[in-house]
Amino acid sequence: MKTGKIVGLSFLGIILLIALTFGLGYLGVFHTKTVGKAQQNADREVFEQTQSYVEGKRQEAMKMYKEWVQAETPTEKKALENLVAHTFANIDEQKYFTNPVKTWVYNCKYGVVQSESPPTPFK
């Protein structure tokens, strides 16, 4: 009789531990879906405001603009415009860039036709 109680309590303890593990696991999933997601969004927002990120995007835009100005064929220009539209899709050009790069990035993103290169200091 005593052995039966020990086996029964041991079995019940194992079941309780398994249930507790699953319960805590689902609590972790809930935490990740709520607090974890908010923390990740906050971290991303802070990263996008860092000086290195902003300067990197500015330099990348200036490099692409210079390449676009120096491109010889409309096909090269169109390829660069498509690349800019995708690269800077989630960047606020009004906030990060200055003219003429700001206007050029805006035109590339929103499909404004650009017939020829504007005057530029890159010659």
PDB file of N, CA and C in Angstrom:
ATOM      1  N   MET A   1       0.822  -1.184   0.000  1.00  0.00           N
ATOM      2  CA  MET A   1       0.000   0.000   0.000  1.00  0.00           C
ATOM      3  C   MET A   1       0.870   1.255   0.000  1.00  0.00           C
ATOM      4  N   LYS A   2       1.926   1.213   0.828  1.00  0.00           N
ATOM      5  CA  LYS A   2       2.798   2.368   0.921  1.00  0.00           C
ATOM      6  C   LYS A   2       3.541   2.581  -0.407  1.00  0.00           C
ATOM      7  N   THR A   3       3.950   1.514  -1.045  1.00  0.00           N
ATOM      8  CA  THR A   3       4.656   1.594  -2.322  1.00  0.00           C
ATOM      9  C   THR A   3       3.723   2.170  -3.391  1.00  0.00           C
ATOM     10  N   GLY A   4       2.449   1.806  -3.365  1.00  0.00           N
ATOM     11  CA  GLY A   4       1.471   2.324  -4.328  1.00  0.00           C
ATOM     12  C   GLY A   4       1.303   3.833  -4.192  1.00  0.00           C
ATOM     13  N   LYS A   5       1.287   4.340  -2.939  1.00  0.00           N
ATOM     14  CA  LYS A   5       1.175   5.786  -2.731  1.00  0.00           C
ATOM     15  C   LYS A   5       2.401   6.511  -3.271  1.00  0.00           C
ATOM     16  N   ILE A   6       3.584   5.950  -3.051  1.00  0.00           N
ATOM     17  CA  ILE A   6       4.828   6.578  -3.510  1.00  0.00           C
ATOM     18  C   ILE A   6       4.857   6.626  -5.034  1.00  0.00           C
ATOM     19  N   VAL A   7       4.475   5.536  -5.659  1.00  0.00           N
ATOM     20  CA  VAL A   7       4.439   5.493  -7.132  1.00  0.00           C
ATOM     21  C   VAL A   7       3.397   6.474  -7.656  1.00  0.00           C
ATOM     22  N   GLY A   8       2.253   6.520  -7.042  1.00  0.00           N
ATOM     23  CA  GLY A   8       1.191   7.430  -7.463  1.00  0.00           C
ATOM     24  C   GLY A   8       1.594   8.891  -7.306  1.00  0.00           C
ATOM     25  N   LEU A   9       2.183   9.234  -6.155  1.00  0.00           N
ATOM     26  CA  LEU A   9       2.624  10.605  -5.929  1.00  0.00           C
ATOM     27  C   LEU A   9       3.769  10.981  -6.867  1.00  0.00           C
ATOM     28  N   SER A  10       4.656  10.041  -7.139  1.00  0.00           N
ATOM     29  CA  SER A  10       5.758  10.292  -8.084  1.00  0.00           C
ATOM     30  C   SER A  10       5.196  10.566  -9.481  1.00  0.00           C
ATOM     31  N   PHE A  11       4.251   9.737  -9.890  1.00  0.00           N
ATOM     32  CA  PHE A  11       3.620   9.915 -11.199  1.00  0.00           C
ATOM     33  C   PHE A  11       2.905  11.269 -11.259  1.00  0.00           C
ATOM     34  N   LEU A  12       2.180  11.617 -10.205  1.00  0.00           N
ATOM     35  CA  LEU A  12       1.486  12.901 -10.136  1.00  0.00           C
ATOM     36  C   LEU A  12       2.486  14.062 -10.166  1.00  0.00           C
ATOM     37  N   GLY A  13       3.612  13.919  -9.479  1.00  0.00           N
ATOM     38  CA  GLY A  13       4.651  14.951  -9.477  1.00  0.00           C
ATOM     39  C   GLY A  13       5.237  15.155 -10.866  1.00  0.00           C
ATOM     40  N   ILE A  14       5.478  14.066 -11.580  1.00  0.00           N
ATOM     41  CA  ILE A  14       6.011  14.164 -12.946  1.00  0.00           C
ATOM     42  C   ILE A  14       5.004  14.863 -13.854  1.00  0.00           C
ATOM     43  N   ILE A  15       3.752  14.510 -13.761  1.00  0.00           N
ATOM     44  CA  ILE A  15       2.700  15.150 -14.562  1.00  0.00           C
ATOM     45  C   ILE A  15       2.624  16.634 -14.226  1.00  0.00           C
ATOM     46  N   LEU A  16       2.721  16.968 -12.960  1.00  0.00           N
ATOM     47  CA  LEU A  16       2.673  18.366 -12.517  1.00  0.00           C
ATOM     48  C   LEU A  16       3.867  19.158 -13.073  1.00  0.00           C
ATOM     49  N   LEU A  17       5.055  18.574 -13.060  1.00  0.00           N
ATOM     50  CA  LEU A  17       6.237  19.229 -13.618  1.00  0.00           C
ATOM     51  C   LEU A  17       6.099  19.459 -15.130  1.00  0.00           C
ATOM     52  N   ILE A  18       5.578  18.473 -15.818  1.00  0.00           N
ATOM     53  CA  ILE A  18       5.364  18.622 -17.272  1.00  0.00           C
ATOM     54  C   ILE A  18       4.353  19.721 -17.537  1.00  0.00           C
ATOM     55  N   ALA A  19       3.264  19.750 -16.798  1.00  0.00           N
ATOM     56  CA  ALA A  19       2.251  20.798 -16.975  1.00  0.00           C
ATOM     57  C   ALA A  19       2.835  22.175 -16.660  1.00  0.00           C
ATOM     58  N   LEU A  20       3.629  22.250 -15.614  1.00  0.00           N
ATOM     59  CA  LEU A  20       4.258  23.513 -15.239  1.00  0.00           C
ATOM     60  C   LEU A  20       5.222  23.983 -16.341  1.00  0.00           C
ATOM     61  N   THR A  21       5.986  23.067 -16.916  1.00  0.00           N
ATOM     62  CA  THR A  21       6.906  23.405 -18.006  1.00  0.00           C
ATOM     63  C   THR A  21       6.151  23.958 -19.204  1.00  0.00           C
ATOM     64  N   PHE A  22       5.057  23.287 -19.591  1.00  0.00           N
ATOM     65  CA  PHE A  22       4.259  23.790 -20.707  1.00  0.00           C
ATOM     66  C   PHE A  22       3.642  25.145 -20.390  1.00  0.00           C
ATOM     67  N   GLY A  23       3.152  25.300 -19.166  1.00  0.00           N
ATOM     68  CA  GLY A  23       2.549  26.571 -18.762  1.00  0.00           C
ATOM     69  C   GLY A  23       3.547  27.714 -18.820  1.00  0.00           C
ATOM     70  N   LEU A  24       4.749  27.492 -18.295  1.00  0.00           N
ATOM     71  CA  LEU A  24       5.777  28.529 -18.345  1.00  0.00           C
ATOM     72  C   LEU A  24       6.239  28.791 -19.782  1.00  0.00           C
ATOM     73  N   GLY A  25       6.257  27.742 -20.587  1.00  0.00           N
ATOM     74  CA  GLY A  25       6.611  27.919 -21.994  1.00  0.00           C
ATOM     75  C   GLY A  25       5.622  28.831 -22.702  1.00  0.00           C
ATOM     76  N   TYR A  26       4.341  28.599 -22.473  1.00  0.00           N
ATOM     77  CA  TYR A  26       3.329  29.458 -23.092  1.00  0.00           C
ATOM     78  C   TYR A  26       3.367  30.867 -22.520  1.00  0.00           C
ATOM     79  N   LEU A  27       3.747  30.998 -21.270  1.00  0.00           N
ATOM     80  CA  LEU A  27       3.911  32.326 -20.681  1.00  0.00           C
ATOM     81  C   LEU A  27       5.054  33.060 -21.392  1.00  0.00           C
ATOM     82  N   GLY A  28       6.130  32.340 -21.705  1.00  0.00           N
ATOM     83  CA  GLY A  28       7.240  32.927 -22.462  1.00  0.00           C
ATOM     84  C   GLY A  28       6.822  33.348 -23.852  1.00  0.00           C
ATOM     85  N   VAL A  29       6.008  32.534 -24.508  1.00  0.00           N
ATOM     86  CA  VAL A  29       5.492  32.884 -25.836  1.00  0.00           C
ATOM     87  C   VAL A  29       4.635  34.142 -25.752  1.00  0.00           C
ATOM     88  N   PHE A  30       3.785  34.220 -24.775  1.00  0.00           N
ATOM     89  CA  PHE A  30       2.939  35.405 -24.591  1.00  0.00           C
ATOM     90  C   PHE A  30       3.801  36.642 -24.350  1.00  0.00           C
ATOM     91  N   HIS A  31       4.832  36.501 -23.542  1.00  0.00           N
ATOM     92  CA  HIS A  31       5.744  37.614 -23.260  1.00  0.00           C
ATOM     93  C   HIS A  31       6.432  38.080 -24.548  1.00  0.00           C
ATOM     94  N   THR A  32       6.893  37.136 -25.338  1.00  0.00           N
ATOM     95  CA  THR A  32       7.565  37.476 -26.598  1.00  0.00           C
ATOM     96  C   THR A  32       6.618  38.193 -27.559  1.00  0.00           C
ATOM     97  N   LYS A  33       5.365  37.755 -27.610  1.00  0.00           N
ATOM     98  CA  LYS A  33       4.395  38.365 -28.526  1.00  0.00           C
ATOM     99  C   LYS A  33       3.974  39.762 -28.090  1.00  0.00           C
ATOM    100  N   THR A  34       4.095  40.070 -26.837  1.00  0.00           N
ATOM    101  CA  THR A  34       3.642  41.379 -26.360  1.00  0.00           C
ATOM    102  C   THR A  34       4.831  42.266 -25.996  1.00  0.00           C
ATOM    103  N   VAL A  35       5.421  42.025 -24.865  1.00  0.00           N
ATOM    104  CA  VAL A  35       6.520  42.856 -24.376  1.00  0.00           C
ATOM    105  C   VAL A  35       7.747  42.722 -25.269  1.00  0.00           C
ATOM    106  N   GLY A  36       8.040  41.510 -25.705  1.00  0.00           N
ATOM    107  CA  GLY A  36       9.199  41.286 -26.567  1.00  0.00           C
ATOM    108  C   GLY A  36       9.093  42.026 -27.887  1.00  0.00           C
ATOM    109  N   LYS A  37       7.899  42.027 -28.464  1.00  0.00           N
ATOM    110  CA  LYS A  37       7.679  42.738 -29.723  1.00  0.00           C
ATOM    111  C   LYS A  37       7.845  44.240 -29.534  1.00  0.00           C
ATOM    112  N   ALA A  38       7.301  44.766 -28.473  1.00  0.00           N
ATOM    113  CA  ALA A  38       7.440  46.200 -28.189  1.00  0.00           C
ATOM    114  C   ALA A  38       8.902  46.575 -27.968  1.00  0.00           C
ATOM    115  N   GLN A  39       9.656  45.725 -27.269  1.00  0.00           N
ATOM    116  CA  GLN A  39      11.076  45.983 -27.035  1.00  0.00           C
ATOM    117  C   GLN A  39      11.854  45.959 -28.345  1.00  0.00           C
ATOM    118  N   GLN A  40      11.548  45.006 -29.196  1.00  0.00           N
ATOM    119  CA  GLN A  40      12.223  44.913 -30.499  1.00  0.00           C
ATOM    120  C   GLN A  40      11.939  46.157 -31.341  1.00  0.00           C
ATOM    121  N   ASN A  41      10.699  46.618 -31.348  1.00  0.00           N
ATOM    122  CA  ASN A  41      10.351  47.827 -32.092  1.00  0.00           C
ATOM    123  C   ASN A  41      11.082  49.047 -31.541  1.00  0.00           C
ATOM    124  N   ALA A  42      11.179  49.138 -30.244  1.00  0.00           N
ATOM    125  CA  ALA A  42      11.889  50.262 -29.627  1.00  0.00           C
ATOM    126  C   ALA A  42      13.376  50.216 -29.975  1.00  0.00           C
ATOM    127  N   ASP A  43      13.968  49.030 -29.928  1.00  0.00           N
ATOM    128  CA  ASP A  43      15.381  48.888 -30.283  1.00  0.00           C
ATOM    129  C   ASP A  43      15.615  49.305 -31.735  1.00  0.00           C
ATOM    130  N   ARG A  44      14.724  48.911 -32.638  1.00  0.00           N
ATOM    131  CA  ARG A  44      14.868  49.262 -34.048  1.00  0.00           C
ATOM    132  C   ARG A  44      14.760  50.776 -34.239  1.00  0.00           C
ATOM    133  N   GLU A  45      13.819  51.394 -33.556  1.00  0.00           N
ATOM    134  CA  GLU A  45      13.639  52.836 -33.662  1.00  0.00           C
ATOM    135  C   GLU A  45      14.869  53.591 -33.165  1.00  0.00           C
ATOM    136  N   VAL A  46      15.437  53.144 -32.079  1.00  0.00           N
ATOM    137  CA  VAL A  46      16.650  53.769 -31.549  1.00  0.00           C
ATOM    138  C   VAL A  46      17.798  53.587 -32.533  1.00  0.00           C
ATOM    139  N   PHE A  47      17.947  52.391 -33.104  1.00  0.00           N
ATOM    140  CA  PHE A  47      19.008  52.132 -34.073  1.00  0.00           C
ATOM    141  C   PHE A  47      18.892  53.058 -35.282  1.00  0.00           C
ATOM    142  N   GLU A  48      17.682  53.264 -35.774  1.00  0.00           N
ATOM    143  CA  GLU A  48      17.484  54.106 -36.954  1.00  0.00           C
ATOM    144  C   GLU A  48      17.774  55.577 -36.671  1.00  0.00           C
ATOM    145  N   GLN A  49      17.872  55.955 -35.421  1.00  0.00           N
ATOM    146  CA  GLN A  49      18.187  57.332 -35.075  1.00  0.00           C
ATOM    147  C   GLN A  49      19.669  57.543 -34.767  1.00  0.00           C
ATOM    148  N   THR A  50      20.454  56.477 -34.804  1.00  0.00           N
ATOM    149  CA  THR A  50      21.874  56.613 -34.485  1.00  0.00           C
ATOM    150  C   THR A  50      22.603  57.368 -35.591  1.00  0.00           C
ATOM    151  N   GLN A  51      23.656  58.043 -35.202  1.00  0.00           N
ATOM    152  CA  GLN A  51      24.445  58.839 -36.134  1.00  0.00           C
ATOM    153  C   GLN A  51      25.046  57.968 -37.236  1.00  0.00           C
ATOM    154  N   SER A  52      25.532  56.796 -36.889  1.00  0.00           N
ATOM    155  CA  SER A  52      26.164  55.936 -37.889  1.00  0.00           C
ATOM    156  C   SER A  52      25.158  55.461 -38.941  1.00  0.00           C
ATOM    157  N   TYR A  53      23.935  55.143 -38.532  1.00  0.00           N
ATOM    158  CA  TYR A  53      22.916  54.706 -39.486  1.00  0.00           C
ATOM    159  C   TYR A  53      22.542  55.846 -40.433  1.00  0.00           C
ATOM    160  N   VAL A  54      22.293  57.021 -39.863  1.00  0.00           N
ATOM    161  CA  VAL A  54      21.887  58.178 -40.666  1.00  0.00           C
ATOM    162  C   VAL A  54      22.995  58.572 -41.644  1.00  0.00           C
ATOM    163  N   GLU A  55      24.221  58.654 -41.162  1.00  0.00           N
ATOM    164  CA  GLU A  55      25.336  59.026 -42.031  1.00  0.00           C
ATOM    165  C   GLU A  55      25.568  57.970 -43.110  1.00  0.00           C
ATOM    166  N   GLY A  56      25.405  56.714 -42.754  1.00  0.00           N
ATOM    167  CA  GLY A  56      25.543  55.645 -43.743  1.00  0.00           C
ATOM    168  C   GLY A  56      24.531  55.777 -44.860  1.00  0.00           C
ATOM    169  N   LYS A  57      23.291  56.076 -44.512  1.00  0.00           N
ATOM    170  CA  LYS A  57      22.246  56.249 -45.526  1.00  0.00           C
ATOM    171  C   LYS A  57      22.507  57.484 -46.386  1.00  0.00           C
ATOM    172  N   ARG A  58      22.968  58.554 -45.769  1.00  0.00           N
ATOM    173  CA  ARG A  58      23.299  59.762 -46.539  1.00  0.00           C
ATOM    174  C   ARG A  58      24.414  59.485 -47.533  1.00  0.00           C
ATOM    175  N   GLN A  59      25.467  58.830 -47.075  1.00  0.00           N
ATOM    176  CA  GLN A  59      26.588  58.529 -47.958  1.00  0.00           C
ATOM    177  C   GLN A  59      26.173  57.594 -49.087  1.00  0.00           C
ATOM    178  N   GLU A  60      25.341  56.614 -48.758  1.00  0.00           N
ATOM    179  CA  GLU A  60      24.861  55.689 -49.783  1.00  0.00           C
ATOM    180  C   GLU A  60      24.037  56.429 -50.834  1.00  0.00           C
ATOM    181  N   ALA A  61      23.190  57.332 -50.400  1.00  0.00           N
ATOM    182  CA  ALA A  61      22.367  58.102 -51.339  1.00  0.00           C
ATOM    183  C   ALA A  61      23.234  59.008 -52.212  1.00  0.00           C
ATOM    184  N   MET A  62      24.220  59.657 -51.617  1.00  0.00           N
ATOM    185  CA  MET A  62      25.119  60.524 -52.394  1.00  0.00           C
ATOM    186  C   MET A  62      25.888  59.713 -53.435  1.00  0.00           C
ATOM    187  N   LYS A  63      26.356  58.536 -53.061  1.00  0.00           N
ATOM    188  CA  LYS A  63      27.090  57.679 -53.991  1.00  0.00           C
ATOM    189  C   LYS A  63      26.194  57.262 -55.154  1.00  0.00           C
ATOM    190  N   MET A  64      24.972  56.850 -54.850  1.00  0.00           N
ATOM    191  CA  MET A  64      24.045  56.430 -55.909  1.00  0.00           C
ATOM    192  C   MET A  64      23.674  57.602 -56.816  1.00  0.00           C
ATOM    193  N   TYR A  65      23.503  58.775 -56.218  1.00  0.00           N
ATOM    194  CA  TYR A  65      23.163  59.962 -57.015  1.00  0.00           C
ATOM    195  C   TYR A  65      24.311  60.293 -57.965  1.00  0.00           C
ATOM    196  N   LYS A  66      25.528  60.229 -57.460  1.00  0.00           N
ATOM    197  CA  LYS A  66      26.692  60.509 -58.302  1.00  0.00           C
ATOM    198  C   LYS A  66      26.769  59.503 -59.453  1.00  0.00           C
ATOM    199  N   GLU A  67      26.547  58.233 -59.153  1.00  0.00           N
ATOM    200  CA  GLU A  67      26.546  57.208 -60.202  1.00  0.00           C
ATOM    201  C   GLU A  67      25.442  57.476 -61.221  1.00  0.00           C
ATOM    202  N   TRP A  68      24.283  57.913 -60.743  1.00  0.00           N
ATOM    203  CA  TRP A  68      23.158  58.184 -61.639  1.00  0.00           C
ATOM    204  C   TRP A  68      23.491  59.350 -62.568  1.00  0.00           C
ATOM    205  N   VAL A  69      24.087  60.399 -62.010  1.00  0.00           N
ATOM    206  CA  VAL A  69      24.454  61.566 -62.809  1.00  0.00           C
ATOM    207  C   VAL A  69      25.482  61.176 -63.870  1.00  0.00           C
ATOM    208  N   GLN A  70      26.398  60.311 -63.516  1.00  0.00           N
ATOM    209  CA  GLN A  70      27.459  59.923 -64.436  1.00  0.00           C
ATOM    210  C   GLN A  70      27.072  58.779 -65.360  1.00  0.00           C
ATOM    211  N   ALA A  71      25.899  58.196 -65.172  1.00  0.00           N
ATOM    212  CA  ALA A  71      25.448  57.098 -66.032  1.00  0.00           C
ATOM    213  C   ALA A  71      25.265  57.606 -67.459  1.00  0.00           C
ATOM    214  N   GLU A  72      25.636  56.763 -68.410  1.00  0.00           N
ATOM    215  CA  GLU A  72      25.616  57.193 -69.805  1.00  0.00           C
ATOM    216  C   GLU A  72      24.356  56.792 -70.547  1.00  0.00           C
ATOM    217  N   THR A  73      23.691  55.745 -70.107  1.00  0.00           N
ATOM    218  CA  THR A  73      22.508  55.286 -70.836  1.00  0.00           C
ATOM    219  C   THR A  73      21.268  55.373 -69.956  1.00  0.00           C
ATOM    220  N   PRO A  74      20.103  55.511 -70.576  1.00  0.00           N
ATOM    221  CA  PRO A  74      18.852  55.520 -69.804  1.00  0.00           C
ATOM    222  C   PRO A  74      18.630  54.206 -69.043  1.00  0.00           C
ATOM    223  N   THR A  75      19.152  53.109 -69.567  1.00  0.00           N
ATOM    224  CA  THR A  75      19.005  51.821 -68.888  1.00  0.00           C
ATOM    225  C   THR A  75      19.758  51.820 -67.567  1.00  0.00           C
ATOM    226  N   GLU A  76      20.967  52.375 -67.569  1.00  0.00           N
ATOM    227  CA  GLU A  76      21.737  52.472 -66.321  1.00  0.00           C
ATOM    228  C   GLU A  76      21.024  53.364 -65.306  1.00  0.00           C
ATOM    229  N   LYS A  77      20.491  54.467 -65.786  1.00  0.00           N
ATOM    230  CA  LYS A  77      19.782  55.390 -64.895  1.00  0.00           C
ATOM    231  C   LYS A  77      18.548  54.723 -64.292  1.00  0.00           C
ATOM    232  N   LYS A  78      17.801  53.996 -65.128  1.00  0.00           N
ATOM    233  CA  LYS A  78      16.591  53.334 -64.657  1.00  0.00           C
ATOM    234  C   LYS A  78      16.932  52.254 -63.626  1.00  0.00           C
ATOM    235  N   ALA A  79      18.018  51.537 -63.854  1.00  0.00           N
ATOM    236  CA  ALA A  79      18.438  50.515 -62.890  1.00  0.00           C
ATOM    237  C   ALA A  79      18.778  51.149 -61.544  1.00  0.00           C
ATOM    238  N   LEU A  80      19.495  52.256 -61.570  1.00  0.00           N
ATOM    239  CA  LEU A  80      19.823  52.946 -60.321  1.00  0.00           C
ATOM    240  C   LEU A  80      18.576  53.501 -59.642  1.00  0.00           C
ATOM    241  N   GLU A  81      17.645  54.019 -60.429  1.00  0.00           N
ATOM    242  CA  GLU A  81      16.397  54.535 -59.851  1.00  0.00           C
ATOM    243  C   GLU A  81      15.623  53.424 -59.149  1.00  0.00           C
ATOM    244  N   ASN A  82      15.569  52.238 -59.763  1.00  0.00           N
ATOM    245  CA  ASN A  82      14.879  51.106 -59.141  1.00  0.00           C
ATOM    246  C   ASN A  82      15.584  50.676 -57.855  1.00  0.00           C
ATOM    247  N   LEU A  83      16.903  50.659 -57.883  1.00  0.00           N
ATOM    248  CA  LEU A  83      17.670  50.296 -56.699  1.00  0.00           C
ATOM    249  C   LEU A  83      17.415  51.289 -55.564  1.00  0.00           C
ATOM    250  N   VAL A  84      17.379  52.570 -55.891  1.00  0.00           N
ATOM    251  CA  VAL A  84      17.113  53.605 -54.880  1.00  0.00           C
ATOM    252  C   VAL A  84      15.708  53.452 -54.314  1.00  0.00           C
ATOM    253  N   ALA A  85      14.741  53.171 -55.170  1.00  0.00           N
ATOM    254  CA  ALA A  85      13.359  53.017 -54.706  1.00  0.00           C
ATOM    255  C   ALA A  85      13.254  51.901 -53.669  1.00  0.00           C
ATOM    256  N   HIS A  86      13.997  50.834 -53.851  1.00  0.00           N
ATOM    257  CA  HIS A  86      13.952  49.722 -52.904  1.00  0.00           C
ATOM    258  C   HIS A  86      14.833  49.968 -51.685  1.00  0.00           C
ATOM    259  N   THR A  87      16.004  50.541 -51.900  1.00  0.00           N
ATOM    260  CA  THR A  87      16.945  50.759 -50.804  1.00  0.00           C
ATOM    261  C   THR A  87      16.415  51.760 -49.777  1.00  0.00           C
ATOM    262  N   PHE A  88      15.764  52.812 -50.255  1.00  0.00           N
ATOM    263  CA  PHE A  88      15.317  53.881 -49.368  1.00  0.00           C
ATOM    264  C   PHE A  88      13.796  53.892 -49.183  1.00  0.00           C
ATOM    265  N   ALA A  89      13.167  52.743 -49.366  1.00  0.00           N
ATOM    266  CA  ALA A  89      11.708  52.670 -49.281  1.00  0.00           C
ATOM    267  C   ALA A  89      11.170  53.093 -47.917  1.00  0.00           C
ATOM    268  N   ASN A  90      11.882  52.768 -46.857  1.00  0.00           N
ATOM    269  CA  ASN A  90      11.384  53.101 -45.514  1.00  0.00           C
ATOM    270  C   ASN A  90      12.140  54.265 -44.883  1.00  0.00           C
ATOM    271  N   ILE A  91      12.809  55.069 -45.697  1.00  0.00           N
ATOM    272  CA  ILE A  91      13.570  56.220 -45.217  1.00  0.00           C
ATOM    273  C   ILE A  91      12.808  57.500 -45.556  1.00  0.00           C
ATOM    274  N   ASP A  92      12.724  58.404 -44.602  1.00  0.00           N
ATOM    275  CA  ASP A  92      12.091  59.704 -44.845  1.00  0.00           C
ATOM    276  C   ASP A  92      13.117  60.639 -45.475  1.00  0.00           C
ATOM    277  N   GLU A  93      13.040  60.775 -46.788  1.00  0.00           N
ATOM    278  CA  GLU A  93      14.037  61.587 -47.506  1.00  0.00           C
ATOM    279  C   GLU A  93      13.990  63.056 -47.084  1.00  0.00           C
ATOM    280  N   GLN A  94      12.838  63.532 -46.652  1.00  0.00           N
ATOM    281  CA  GLN A  94      12.727  64.927 -46.212  1.00  0.00           C
ATOM    282  C   GLN A  94      13.551  65.166 -44.948  1.00  0.00           C
ATOM    283  N   LYS A  95      13.680  64.147 -44.138  1.00  0.00           N
ATOM    284  CA  LYS A  95      14.346  64.270 -42.852  1.00  0.00           C
ATOM    285  C   LYS A  95      15.866  64.064 -42.954  1.00  0.00           C
ATOM    286  N   TYR A  96      16.311  63.176 -43.847  1.00  0.00           N
ATOM    287  CA  TYR A  96      17.704  62.759 -43.852  1.00  0.00           C
ATOM    288  C   TYR A  96      18.559  63.385 -44.948  1.00  0.00           C
ATOM    289  N   PHE A  97      17.967  63.801 -46.050  1.00  0.00           N
ATOM    290  CA  PHE A  97      18.758  64.246 -47.192  1.00  0.00           C
ATOM    291  C   PHE A  97      18.549  65.728 -47.478  1.00  0.00           C
ATOM    292  N   THR A  98      19.485  66.300 -48.232  1.00  0.00           N
ATOM    293  CA  THR A  98      19.368  67.681 -48.692  1.00  0.00           C
ATOM    294  C   THR A  98      19.304  67.678 -50.208  1.00  0.00           C
ATOM    295  N   ASN A  99      18.821  68.757 -50.779  1.00  0.00           N
ATOM    296  CA  ASN A  99      18.739  68.853 -52.243  1.00  0.00           C
ATOM    297  C   ASN A  99      20.129  68.848 -52.824  1.00  0.00           C
ATOM    298  N   PRO A 100      20.307  68.322 -53.999  1.00  0.00           N
ATOM    299  CA  PRO A 100      19.372  67.715 -54.931  1.00  0.00           C
ATOM    300  C   PRO A 100      19.091  66.238 -54.649  1.00  0.00           C
ATOM    301  N   VAL A 101      19.834  65.632 -53.719  1.00  0.00           N
ATOM    302  CA  VAL A 101      19.659  64.205 -53.434  1.00  0.00           C
ATOM    303  C   VAL A 101      18.257  63.929 -52.895  1.00  0.00           C
ATOM    304  N   LYS A 102      17.750  64.812 -52.041  1.00  0.00           N
ATOM    305  CA  LYS A 102      16.417  64.637 -51.466  1.00  0.00           C
ATOM    306  C   LYS A 102      15.364  64.531 -52.571  1.00  0.00           C
ATOM    307  N   THR A 103      15.410  65.449 -53.521  1.00  0.00           N
ATOM    308  CA  THR A 103      14.442  65.449 -54.622  1.00  0.00           C
ATOM    309  C   THR A 103      14.603  64.204 -55.478  1.00  0.00           C
ATOM    310  N   TRP A 104      15.845  63.835 -55.744  1.00  0.00           N
ATOM    311  CA  TRP A 104      16.107  62.667 -56.585  1.00  0.00           C
ATOM    312  C   TRP A 104      15.587  61.383 -55.936  1.00  0.00           C
ATOM    313  N   VAL A 105      15.862  61.202 -54.640  1.00  0.00           N
ATOM    314  CA  VAL A 105      15.384  60.008 -53.932  1.00  0.00           C
ATOM    315  C   VAL A 105      13.859  59.987 -53.933  1.00  0.00           C
ATOM    316  N   TYR A 106      13.239  61.129 -53.671  1.00  0.00           N
ATOM    317  CA  TYR A 106      11.777  61.215 -53.691  1.00  0.00           C
ATOM    318  C   TYR A 106      11.233  60.808 -55.065  1.00  0.00           C
ATOM    319  N   ASN A 107      11.824  61.352 -56.117  1.00  0.00           N
ATOM    320  CA  ASN A 107      11.372  61.036 -57.475  1.00  0.00           C
ATOM    321  C   ASN A 107      11.533  59.561 -57.790  1.00  0.00           C
ATOM    322  N   CYS A 108      12.621  58.970 -57.358  1.00  0.00           N
ATOM    323  CA  CYS A 108      12.837  57.537 -57.596  1.00  0.00           C
ATOM    324  C   CYS A 108      11.809  56.697 -56.839  1.00  0.00           C
ATOM    325  N   LYS A 109      11.545  57.053 -55.590  1.00  0.00           N
ATOM    326  CA  LYS A 109      10.618  56.277 -54.772  1.00  0.00           C
ATOM    327  C   LYS A 109       9.186  56.335 -55.294  1.00  0.00           C
ATOM    328  N   TYR A 110       8.787  57.502 -55.785  1.00  0.00           N
ATOM    329  CA  TYR A 110       7.387  57.678 -56.161  1.00  0.00           C
ATOM    330  C   TYR A 110       7.170  57.697 -57.667  1.00  0.00           C
ATOM    331  N   GLY A 111       8.183  57.283 -58.434  1.00  0.00           N
ATOM    332  CA  GLY A 111       8.020  57.063 -59.859  1.00  0.00           C
ATOM    333  C   GLY A 111       7.917  58.306 -60.706  1.00  0.00           C
ATOM    334  N   VAL A 112       8.467  59.419 -60.275  1.00  0.00           N
ATOM    335  CA  VAL A 112       8.465  60.628 -61.086  1.00  0.00           C
ATOM    336  C   VAL A 112       9.504  60.452 -62.190  1.00  0.00           C
ATOM    337  N   VAL A 113       9.087  60.657 -63.434  1.00  0.00           N
ATOM    338  CA  VAL A 113       9.982  60.456 -64.571  1.00  0.00           C
ATOM    339  C   VAL A 113      11.052  61.538 -64.573  1.00  0.00           C
ATOM    340  N   GLN A 114      12.290  61.112 -64.741  1.00  0.00           N
ATOM    341  CA  GLN A 114      13.425  62.030 -64.757  1.00  0.00           C
ATOM    342  C   GLN A 114      14.102  61.908 -66.121  1.00  0.00           C
ATOM    343  N   SER A 115      13.921  62.917 -66.966  1.00  0.00           N
ATOM    344  CA  SER A 115      14.391  62.820 -68.345  1.00  0.00           C
ATOM    345  C   SER A 115      15.899  62.948 -68.483  1.00  0.00           C
ATOM    346  N   GLU A 116      16.515  63.812 -67.732  1.00  0.00           N
ATOM    347  CA  GLU A 116      17.958  63.965 -67.842  1.00  0.00           C
ATOM    348  C   GLU A 116      18.545  64.357 -66.496  1.00  0.00           C
ATOM    349  N   SER A 117      19.843  64.317 -66.417  1.00  0.00           N
ATOM    350  CA  SER A 117      20.530  64.634 -65.163  1.00  0.00           C
ATOM    351  C   SER A 117      20.433  66.114 -64.863  1.00  0.00           C
ATOM    352  N   PRO A 118      20.129  66.470 -63.633  1.00  0.00           N
ATOM    353  CA  PRO A 118      20.142  67.878 -63.242  1.00  0.00           C
ATOM    354  C   PRO A 118      21.576  68.359 -63.097  1.00  0.00           C
ATOM    355  N   PRO A 119      21.789  69.669 -63.055  1.00  0.00           N
ATOM    356  CA  PRO A 119      23.131  70.163 -62.828  1.00  0.00           C
ATOM    357  C   PRO A 119      23.672  69.622 -61.503  1.00  0.00           C
ATOM    358  N   THR A 120      24.941  69.313 -61.482  1.00  0.00           N
ATOM    359  CA  THR A 120      25.503  68.707 -60.293  1.00  0.00           C
ATOM    360  C   THR A 120      26.960  69.074 -60.114  1.00  0.00           C
ATOM    361  N   PRO A 121      27.462  69.052 -58.903  1.00  0.00           N
ATOM    362  CA  PRO A 121      28.876  69.339 -58.688  1.00  0.00           C
ATOM    363  C   PRO A 121      29.773  68.136 -59.000  1.00  0.00           C
ATOM    364  N   PHE A 122      29.193  66.978 -59.353  1.00  0.00           N
ATOM    365  CA  PHE A 122      29.973  65.757 -59.578  1.00  0.00           C
ATOM    366  C   PHE A 122      30.358  65.605 -61.041  1.00  0.00           C
ATOM    367  N   LYS A 123      31.268  66.304 -61.564  1.00  0.00           N
ATOM    368  CA  LYS A 123      31.677  66.126 -62.968  1.00  0.00           C
ATOM    369  C   LYS A 123      33.113  65.780 -63.057  1.00  0.00           C
TER     370      LYS A 123
END
